Protein backbone atom coordinates (compact mmCIF):
# COMPACT_ATOMS: atom_id res chain seq x y z
CA UNK A 1 84.71 80.07 110.17
CA UNK A 2 88.09 78.68 111.25
CA UNK A 3 90.13 81.42 109.64
CA UNK A 4 88.83 83.98 112.12
CA UNK A 5 90.55 82.14 114.95
CA UNK A 6 94.09 82.36 113.56
CA UNK A 7 96.17 84.72 115.72
CA UNK A 8 97.77 87.89 114.36
CA UNK A 9 101.20 87.41 112.83
CA UNK A 10 102.59 90.56 114.41
CA UNK A 11 101.56 93.17 116.99
CA UNK A 12 100.64 96.67 115.90
CA UNK A 13 102.81 98.61 118.30
CA UNK A 14 102.79 102.16 116.98
CA UNK A 15 100.35 104.75 118.30
CA UNK A 16 98.10 106.45 115.76
CA UNK A 17 98.68 110.15 115.15
CA UNK A 18 97.30 112.67 112.68
CA UNK A 19 98.78 115.71 111.03
CA UNK A 20 95.36 117.25 110.61
CA UNK A 21 94.89 118.46 114.20
CA UNK A 22 91.23 117.50 114.02
CA UNK A 23 90.55 119.21 110.69
CA UNK A 24 88.81 117.05 108.12
CA UNK A 25 91.07 116.62 105.11
CA UNK A 26 90.41 115.49 101.55
CA UNK A 27 93.19 112.88 101.27
CA UNK A 28 94.72 110.86 104.09
CA UNK A 29 97.14 107.96 104.32
CA UNK A 30 97.25 105.40 107.12
CA UNK A 31 100.08 102.89 107.40
CA UNK A 32 98.88 99.44 108.47
CA UNK A 33 102.10 97.62 107.57
CA UNK A 34 105.49 99.16 106.75
CA UNK A 35 107.86 96.20 106.84
CA UNK A 36 109.34 94.36 103.86
CA UNK A 37 110.17 90.69 103.22
CA UNK A 38 108.68 89.12 106.34
CA UNK A 39 106.69 90.16 109.40
CA UNK A 40 108.89 90.58 112.47
CA UNK A 41 107.03 90.50 115.80
CA UNK A 42 109.67 91.40 118.37
CA UNK A 43 110.43 93.86 121.13
CA UNK A 44 112.89 95.58 118.79
CA UNK A 45 110.19 96.39 116.21
CA UNK A 46 107.55 98.14 118.30
CA UNK A 47 107.91 101.82 117.41
CA UNK A 48 107.79 101.40 113.63
CA UNK A 49 105.85 98.13 113.53
CA UNK A 50 106.47 94.64 112.22
CA UNK A 51 103.58 94.01 109.82
CA UNK A 52 104.27 93.81 106.09
CA UNK A 53 103.04 96.20 103.42
CA UNK A 54 99.51 97.58 103.66
CA UNK A 55 98.39 101.19 103.26
CA UNK A 56 94.93 102.71 103.44
CA UNK A 57 93.94 105.80 101.45
CA UNK A 58 90.92 107.81 102.56
CA UNK A 59 89.65 110.23 99.90
CA UNK A 60 86.87 112.28 101.50
CA UNK A 61 85.40 109.12 103.02
CA UNK A 62 86.06 106.79 100.07
CA UNK A 63 88.65 104.27 101.14
CA UNK A 64 90.98 102.06 99.15
CA UNK A 65 93.78 99.67 100.08
CA UNK A 66 97.30 99.44 98.71
CA UNK A 67 98.74 95.92 99.11
CA UNK A 68 97.64 93.06 101.31
CA UNK A 69 100.56 92.18 103.55
CA UNK A 70 99.99 91.13 107.15
CA UNK A 71 98.87 94.67 108.02
CA UNK A 72 95.59 94.14 106.17
CA UNK A 73 94.32 91.91 108.98
CA UNK A 74 93.93 94.84 111.38
CA UNK A 75 92.55 97.03 108.62
CA UNK A 76 89.86 94.45 107.88
CA UNK A 77 88.63 94.56 111.46
CA UNK A 78 88.10 98.32 111.24
CA UNK A 79 86.15 97.88 108.00
CA UNK A 80 83.79 95.56 109.84
CA UNK A 81 83.34 98.07 112.66
CA UNK A 82 82.90 101.02 110.29
CA UNK A 83 80.46 99.23 107.99
CA UNK A 84 82.61 99.67 104.86
CA UNK A 85 80.84 97.71 102.12
CA UNK A 86 82.71 98.52 98.89
CA UNK A 87 86.45 97.82 99.06
CA UNK A 88 89.11 98.45 96.41
CA UNK A 89 92.49 96.72 96.75
CA UNK A 90 95.37 97.76 94.47
CA UNK A 91 98.35 95.38 94.54
CA UNK A 92 101.89 96.39 93.63
CA UNK A 93 102.79 92.73 92.98
CA UNK A 94 102.25 89.29 94.44
CA UNK A 95 105.39 88.43 96.37
CA UNK A 96 104.39 86.94 99.71
CA UNK A 97 105.02 89.97 101.89
CA UNK A 98 102.46 91.92 99.83
CA UNK A 99 99.66 89.35 99.74
CA UNK A 100 100.03 86.95 102.69
CA UNK A 101 97.60 88.94 104.81
CA UNK A 102 94.82 88.55 102.24
CA UNK A 103 93.50 85.18 103.57
CA UNK A 104 93.02 86.92 106.95
CA UNK A 105 91.05 89.88 105.54
CA UNK A 106 87.75 89.16 107.29
CA UNK A 107 85.46 91.38 105.13
CA UNK A 108 86.19 89.07 102.18
CA UNK A 109 84.16 86.35 103.92
CA UNK A 110 81.08 88.56 104.30
CA UNK A 111 78.51 88.16 101.47
CA UNK A 112 77.19 91.68 102.10
CA UNK A 113 80.47 93.25 100.99
CA UNK A 114 82.11 93.84 97.60
CA UNK A 115 85.82 93.61 96.78
CA UNK A 116 87.49 94.91 93.62
CA UNK A 117 91.07 93.62 93.43
CA UNK A 118 93.47 94.96 90.80
CA UNK A 119 97.06 94.23 89.74
CA UNK A 120 99.20 95.47 86.86
CA UNK A 121 102.18 93.10 86.71
CA UNK A 122 100.69 89.77 85.57
CA UNK A 123 100.20 90.41 81.86
CA UNK A 124 100.54 87.16 79.90
CA UNK A 125 100.50 85.12 83.10
CA UNK A 126 97.79 83.51 85.19
CA UNK A 127 96.18 86.71 86.43
CA UNK A 128 95.53 88.04 89.90
CA UNK A 129 92.59 85.77 90.72
CA UNK A 130 94.55 82.60 90.02
CA UNK A 131 97.58 83.84 91.96
CA UNK A 132 95.52 84.60 95.07
CA UNK A 133 93.69 81.28 94.70
CA UNK A 134 97.00 79.40 94.48
CA UNK A 135 98.18 81.04 97.71
CA UNK A 136 95.11 79.60 99.47
CA UNK A 137 95.20 76.19 97.81
CA UNK A 138 96.24 72.89 99.39
CA UNK A 139 98.72 72.19 100.85
CA UNK A 140 99.64 75.83 101.56
CA UNK A 141 96.43 76.94 103.28
CA UNK A 142 93.36 75.15 104.67
CA UNK A 143 90.69 77.64 103.51
CA UNK A 144 90.24 78.11 99.73
CA UNK A 145 89.54 81.37 97.93
CA UNK A 146 86.04 80.06 97.19
CA UNK A 147 85.25 80.35 100.92
CA UNK A 148 85.34 84.12 100.53
CA UNK A 149 81.69 84.96 100.03
CA UNK A 150 82.03 88.68 99.29
CA UNK A 151 81.17 89.79 95.76
CA UNK A 152 84.63 89.85 94.23
CA UNK A 153 85.92 91.31 90.98
CA UNK A 154 89.48 90.53 89.91
CA UNK A 155 90.98 92.85 87.31
CA UNK A 156 94.36 92.72 85.59
CA UNK A 157 95.70 95.78 83.81
CA UNK A 158 99.03 96.81 82.29
CA UNK A 159 101.27 98.96 84.47
CA UNK A 160 101.30 102.41 82.90
CA UNK A 161 97.53 102.61 82.49
CA UNK A 162 95.27 105.08 84.32
CA UNK A 163 91.76 104.62 85.68
CA UNK A 164 89.24 106.02 88.16
CA UNK A 165 88.37 104.46 91.50
CA UNK A 166 85.14 106.05 92.76
CA UNK A 167 83.89 109.15 90.93
CA UNK A 168 86.57 111.59 92.04
CA UNK A 169 89.61 109.41 92.75
CA UNK A 170 91.97 109.09 89.78
CA UNK A 171 94.75 106.50 89.69
CA UNK A 172 97.85 106.63 87.51
CA UNK A 173 100.31 103.72 87.39
CA UNK A 174 103.86 102.98 86.24
CA UNK A 175 105.97 99.80 85.93
CA UNK A 176 108.77 99.24 88.43
CA UNK A 177 112.11 97.45 88.22
CA UNK A 178 111.49 94.40 90.41
CA UNK A 179 111.82 90.62 89.95
CA UNK A 180 108.56 89.33 88.38
CA UNK A 181 107.40 92.94 87.93
CA UNK A 182 105.66 95.47 90.15
CA UNK A 183 103.43 98.53 89.80
CA UNK A 184 103.68 102.03 91.29
CA UNK A 185 100.50 104.01 91.99
CA UNK A 186 99.62 107.68 92.09
CA UNK A 187 96.31 108.44 93.84
CA UNK A 188 94.82 111.85 92.94
CA UNK A 189 91.87 113.51 94.66
CA UNK A 190 90.78 117.15 94.85
CA UNK A 191 94.14 118.47 93.68
CA UNK A 192 96.17 116.36 96.14
CA UNK A 193 98.24 113.30 95.31
CA UNK A 194 99.95 110.41 97.07
CA UNK A 195 102.36 108.07 95.28
CA UNK A 196 103.20 104.52 96.35
CA UNK A 197 106.50 103.33 94.86
CA UNK A 198 107.40 99.89 96.24
CA UNK A 199 109.08 97.51 95.34
CA UNK A 200 111.73 98.86 92.96
CA UNK A 201 115.48 98.66 92.38
CA UNK A 202 117.35 101.68 91.06
CA UNK A 203 120.30 101.66 88.69
CA UNK A 204 123.06 103.75 90.28
CA UNK A 205 123.65 106.95 88.36
CA UNK A 206 120.40 106.71 86.38
CA UNK A 207 117.19 108.20 87.75
CA UNK A 208 114.14 106.13 86.80
CA UNK A 209 112.16 108.35 84.42
CA UNK A 210 109.02 106.21 84.87
CA UNK A 211 109.06 107.08 88.57
CA UNK A 212 109.89 110.76 88.04
CA UNK A 213 106.98 111.12 85.64
CA UNK A 214 104.61 109.47 88.10
CA UNK A 215 105.62 111.40 91.23
CA UNK A 216 105.93 114.87 89.67
CA UNK A 217 104.73 117.44 92.23
CA UNK A 218 103.19 114.80 94.52
CA UNK A 219 102.28 115.76 98.08
CA UNK A 220 103.68 112.48 99.39
CA UNK A 221 105.88 109.78 97.86
CA UNK A 222 105.99 106.48 99.77
CA UNK A 223 109.27 104.97 98.57
CA UNK A 224 111.03 101.62 98.85
CA UNK A 225 113.99 102.37 101.16
CA UNK A 226 114.75 98.79 102.18
CA UNK A 227 118.54 99.10 102.17
CA UNK A 228 121.21 101.56 103.14
CA UNK A 229 123.71 102.55 100.46
CA UNK A 230 126.23 100.20 102.07
CA UNK A 231 123.80 97.26 102.09
CA UNK A 232 122.61 97.87 98.53
CA UNK A 233 125.98 96.90 97.02
CA UNK A 234 125.55 93.26 98.03
CA UNK A 235 121.80 93.18 97.28
CA UNK A 236 121.79 94.15 93.60
CA UNK A 237 119.19 92.06 91.80
CA UNK A 238 116.98 91.69 94.86
CA UNK A 239 114.63 94.45 93.67
CA UNK A 240 114.91 97.20 96.29
CA UNK A 241 116.27 100.70 96.76
CA UNK A 242 117.60 103.22 99.28
CA UNK A 243 116.38 106.42 100.93
CA UNK A 244 119.21 108.28 99.20
CA UNK A 245 117.82 107.35 95.79
CA UNK A 246 114.30 108.20 96.90
CA UNK A 247 115.37 111.72 97.85
CA UNK A 248 117.09 112.18 94.47
CA UNK A 249 113.89 111.15 92.68
CA UNK A 250 111.67 113.37 94.83
CA UNK A 251 113.90 116.39 94.29
CA UNK A 252 114.05 115.78 90.55
CA UNK A 253 110.25 115.54 90.44
CA UNK A 254 109.58 118.48 92.81
CA UNK A 255 107.67 116.18 95.16
CA UNK A 256 106.77 117.72 98.51
CA UNK A 257 107.61 114.92 100.96
CA UNK A 258 108.81 111.31 101.16
CA UNK A 259 107.96 108.44 103.50
CA UNK A 260 110.76 105.93 104.09
CA UNK A 261 109.01 102.57 103.64
CA UNK A 262 109.45 98.78 103.29
CA UNK A 263 111.83 98.53 106.24
CA UNK A 264 114.20 95.58 106.24
CA UNK A 265 113.30 93.13 109.04
CA UNK A 266 116.88 93.41 110.33
CA UNK A 267 116.42 97.15 110.89
CA UNK A 268 115.31 97.59 114.50
CA UNK A 269 113.62 100.63 116.04
CA UNK A 270 117.00 102.05 117.08
CA UNK A 271 118.35 101.50 113.58
CA UNK A 272 115.35 103.22 112.01
CA UNK A 273 115.65 106.15 114.44
CA UNK A 274 119.22 106.73 113.31
CA UNK A 275 118.37 106.19 109.64
CA UNK A 276 115.47 108.64 109.80
CA UNK A 277 117.62 111.30 111.47
CA UNK A 278 120.32 110.89 108.83
CA UNK A 279 117.81 111.11 105.98
CA UNK A 280 116.28 114.25 107.47
CA UNK A 281 119.65 116.00 107.45
CA UNK A 282 119.82 115.27 103.71
CA UNK A 283 116.24 116.44 103.01
CA UNK A 284 114.03 117.81 105.76
CA UNK A 285 110.84 116.65 104.04
CA UNK A 286 111.43 112.96 104.79
CA UNK A 287 110.01 110.82 107.58
CA UNK A 288 110.08 107.14 108.49
CA UNK A 289 106.72 105.42 108.00
CA UNK A 290 105.29 104.09 111.26
CA UNK A 291 102.60 101.47 111.56
CA UNK A 292 99.39 103.14 112.73
CA UNK A 293 100.37 106.68 111.72
CA UNK A 294 98.04 108.89 109.68
CA UNK A 295 99.09 111.72 107.36
CA UNK A 296 96.61 114.12 105.80
CA UNK A 297 96.67 116.50 102.84
CA UNK A 298 94.26 119.21 101.68
CA UNK A 299 91.18 120.80 103.23
CA UNK A 300 87.90 119.03 102.48
């Protein structure tokens, strides 16, 4: 099939590491794409990576995907190698940087596999299936959604609802302040929790109570830190936040750690090094998300 021959939009770059030191853990997070807005394959974006949003959650062997930016291409190849047959994809929203890797997700073309794709921001609109189909329709893309032969289920829900994915993986959601809407996710498994809060814009001086309620006591909060405080002033209305606001939210919610995520394409490796060091002086439990890195929580 022609789609398999299209080259990768951006190199991986970052080396994989694990916080588990070889111990099997109940909940792990792997970053396959950490960039916002547009993929940026360049020599200045090697350490942290240039692929757009895609995160993999592994809950005692059950795996699910958060967003389908360009990072999902590499993830799909590992699913082929590992024989993963049942795949759940939870989308925050359908702006291009969060779905433009989906046409390159090779397992979707395999009739022996099953995909369950969910989104919570399209109430009253076309629905997630039609949005993904439109992305792959002429004249934007040469291969239609119908070419994907996997058994696919498309499900729209309302942000704020909760549901189970697999028998022992619970998902809570919350609406976010973003143009056209977006959904935050909290993944809970065996007493551990990871929250994915991207894309969202804060209102200065007012902590978002929807987010605080979702991230309360979480082991990890992956937060939209696209802009610095200085940049944010001229970007109001664009739908993004800062690491400073993320730390305020995490502290208010007694969250345990925060990943700085959705890096602006203008922010080079050197820039992110400095930003990460500055954030760590404010709250030691922060780190900058790196493409390829793995973070684990809880003994299995």
